[in-house]
Amino acid sequence: VHELLKANPRKDIQNSYGHTAASYAATNKFKAIADVLSRAPSKRELAQRAAEEKQRKSKADADLEAADDDEDLGPLGELADLIKGRKK
């Protein structure tokens, strides 16, 4: 379980019945595994998630800027300008 958690999976994912991996572990009397899965994220995990989010945001901003640089997009460019609140 520890090796699988090193990949930083989302532990809050639920199946169609609303069960999580932690709830299955607790139901089947695997208390140690349920505790590990229910544990709050460490400072390292929180920092890693924040860095990943920052990287995603900067990539999205770069993609938007690249789209702004494309002047001749025709109707798509006009639509993008309307969405962004700019008018031609």
C-alpha atoms as a PDB file:
ATOM      1  CA  VAL A   1       0.000   0.000   0.000  1.00  0.00           C
ATOM      2  CA  HIS A   2       2.841   2.379   0.840  1.00  0.00           C
ATOM      3  CA  GLU A   3       4.437   1.764  -2.555  1.00  0.00           C
ATOM      4  CA  LEU A   4       1.154   2.493  -4.331  1.00  0.00           C
ATOM      5  CA  LEU A   5       0.663   5.681  -2.330  1.00  0.00           C
ATOM      6  CA  LYS A   6       4.053   6.998  -3.443  1.00  0.00           C
ATOM      7  CA  ALA A   7       2.457   7.746  -6.821  1.00  0.00           C
ATOM      8  CA  ASN A   8       0.207  10.269  -5.015  1.00  0.00           C
ATOM      9  CA  PRO A   9      -3.190   8.849  -6.051  1.00  0.00           C
ATOM     10  CA  ARG A  10      -6.467  10.499  -5.128  1.00  0.00           C
ATOM     11  CA  LYS A  11      -7.712   8.688  -2.049  1.00  0.00           C
ATOM     12  CA  ASP A  12     -11.166  10.258  -2.084  1.00  0.00           C
ATOM     13  CA  ILE A  13     -12.409   8.548  -5.262  1.00  0.00           C
ATOM     14  CA  GLN A  14     -15.689   6.723  -4.686  1.00  0.00           C
ATOM     15  CA  ASN A  15     -17.322   3.926  -6.630  1.00  0.00           C
ATOM     16  CA  SER A  16     -20.979   4.006  -7.693  1.00  0.00           C
ATOM     17  CA  TYR A  17     -22.023   2.944  -4.179  1.00  0.00           C
ATOM     18  CA  GLY A  18     -20.055   5.732  -2.502  1.00  0.00           C
ATOM     19  CA  HIS A  19     -17.346   3.442  -1.117  1.00  0.00           C
ATOM     20  CA  THR A  20     -13.681   4.446  -1.014  1.00  0.00           C
ATOM     21  CA  ALA A  21     -10.579   2.289  -0.697  1.00  0.00           C
ATOM     22  CA  ALA A  22     -10.393   3.276   2.980  1.00  0.00           C
ATOM     23  CA  SER A  23     -13.987   2.221   3.619  1.00  0.00           C
ATOM     24  CA  TYR A  24     -13.371  -1.165   1.973  1.00  0.00           C
ATOM     25  CA  ALA A  25     -10.247  -1.646   4.086  1.00  0.00           C
ATOM     26  CA  ALA A  26     -12.137  -0.773   7.267  1.00  0.00           C
ATOM     27  CA  THR A  27     -15.069  -3.041   6.368  1.00  0.00           C
ATOM     28  CA  ASN A  28     -12.709  -5.970   5.773  1.00  0.00           C
ATOM     29  CA  LYS A  29     -10.882  -5.346   9.072  1.00  0.00           C
ATOM     30  CA  PHE A  30      -7.622  -4.014   7.582  1.00  0.00           C
ATOM     31  CA  LYS A  31      -7.346  -1.254  10.177  1.00  0.00           C
ATOM     32  CA  ALA A  32      -3.723  -0.324   9.423  1.00  0.00           C
ATOM     33  CA  ILE A  33      -4.459   0.117   5.712  1.00  0.00           C
ATOM     34  CA  ALA A  34      -7.634   2.085   6.453  1.00  0.00           C
ATOM     35  CA  ASP A  35      -5.609   4.359   8.747  1.00  0.00           C
ATOM     36  CA  VAL A  36      -2.958   4.958   6.077  1.00  0.00           C
ATOM     37  CA  LEU A  37      -5.587   5.728   3.451  1.00  0.00           C
ATOM     38  CA  SER A  38      -7.537   8.022   5.787  1.00  0.00           C
ATOM     39  CA  ARG A  39      -4.474   9.907   7.009  1.00  0.00           C
ATOM     40  CA  ALA A  40      -4.348  13.630   6.209  1.00  0.00           C
ATOM     41  CA  PRO A  41      -1.873  14.567   3.486  1.00  0.00           C
ATOM     42  CA  SER A  42       1.643  15.352   4.664  1.00  0.00           C
ATOM     43  CA  LYS A  43       3.308  18.728   4.140  1.00  0.00           C
ATOM     44  CA  ARG A  44       5.347  17.167   1.346  1.00  0.00           C
ATOM     45  CA  GLU A  45       2.214  15.902  -0.399  1.00  0.00           C
ATOM     46  CA  LEU A  46       0.536  19.286  -0.049  1.00  0.00           C
ATOM     47  CA  ALA A  47       3.610  21.030  -1.452  1.00  0.00           C
ATOM     48  CA  GLN A  48       3.764  18.586  -4.353  1.00  0.00           C
ATOM     49  CA  ARG A  49       0.093  19.148  -5.187  1.00  0.00           C
ATOM     50  CA  ALA A  50       0.557  22.925  -5.020  1.00  0.00           C
ATOM     51  CA  ALA A  51       3.558  22.719  -7.361  1.00  0.00           C
ATOM     52  CA  GLU A  52       1.611  20.569  -9.815  1.00  0.00           C
ATOM     53  CA  GLU A  53      -1.318  22.986  -9.751  1.00  0.00           C
ATOM     54  CA  LYS A  54       1.020  25.934 -10.304  1.00  0.00           C
ATOM     55  CA  GLN A  55       2.614  24.137 -13.246  1.00  0.00           C
ATOM     56  CA  ARG A  56      -0.818  23.386 -14.773  1.00  0.00           C
ATOM     57  CA  LYS A  57      -1.855  27.025 -14.346  1.00  0.00           C
ATOM     58  CA  SER A  58       1.310  28.386 -15.943  1.00  0.00           C
ATOM     59  CA  LYS A  59       0.901  25.994 -18.886  1.00  0.00           C
ATOM     60  CA  ALA A  60      -2.718  27.088 -19.331  1.00  0.00           C
ATOM     61  CA  ASP A  61      -1.644  30.747 -19.221  1.00  0.00           C
ATOM     62  CA  ALA A  62       1.052  30.076 -21.823  1.00  0.00           C
ATOM     63  CA  ASP A  63      -1.495  28.333 -24.046  1.00  0.00           C
ATOM     64  CA  LEU A  64      -3.826  31.343 -23.772  1.00  0.00           C
ATOM     65  CA  GLU A  65      -1.023  33.720 -24.663  1.00  0.00           C
ATOM     66  CA  ALA A  66      -0.102  31.586 -27.649  1.00  0.00           C
ATOM     67  CA  ALA A  67      -3.733  31.705 -28.773  1.00  0.00           C
ATOM     68  CA  ASP A  68      -3.683  35.505 -28.398  1.00  0.00           C
ATOM     69  CA  ASP A  69      -0.678  35.685 -30.691  1.00  0.00           C
ATOM     70  CA  ASP A  70      -2.595  33.993 -33.501  1.00  0.00           C
ATOM     71  CA  GLU A  71      -4.216  36.972 -35.196  1.00  0.00           C
ATOM     72  CA  ASP A  72      -5.788  35.246 -38.201  1.00  0.00           C
ATOM     73  CA  LEU A  73      -8.113  32.677 -36.677  1.00  0.00           C
ATOM     74  CA  GLY A  74     -11.204  33.828 -38.541  1.00  0.00           C
ATOM     75  CA  PRO A  75     -14.517  33.079 -36.827  1.00  0.00           C
ATOM     76  CA  LEU A  76     -12.768  31.137 -34.045  1.00  0.00           C
ATOM     77  CA  GLY A  77     -10.611  34.155 -33.249  1.00  0.00           C
ATOM     78  CA  GLU A  78     -13.691  36.370 -33.128  1.00  0.00           C
ATOM     79  CA  LEU A  79     -15.421  33.875 -30.829  1.00  0.00           C
ATOM     80  CA  ALA A  80     -12.376  33.751 -28.561  1.00  0.00           C
ATOM     81  CA  ASP A  81     -12.336  37.547 -28.406  1.00  0.00           C
ATOM     82  CA  LEU A  82     -16.028  37.617 -27.476  1.00  0.00           C
ATOM     83  CA  ILE A  83     -15.464  35.050 -24.740  1.00  0.00           C
ATOM     84  CA  LYS A  84     -12.545  37.017 -23.335  1.00  0.00           C
ATOM     85  CA  GLY A  85     -14.638  40.190 -23.360  1.00  0.00           C
ATOM     86  CA  ARG A  86     -12.839  41.927 -26.184  1.00  0.00           C
ATOM     87  CA  LYS A  87     -14.689  43.224 -29.185  1.00  0.00           C
ATOM     88  CA  LYS A  88     -13.335  43.794 -32.687  1.00  0.00           C
END
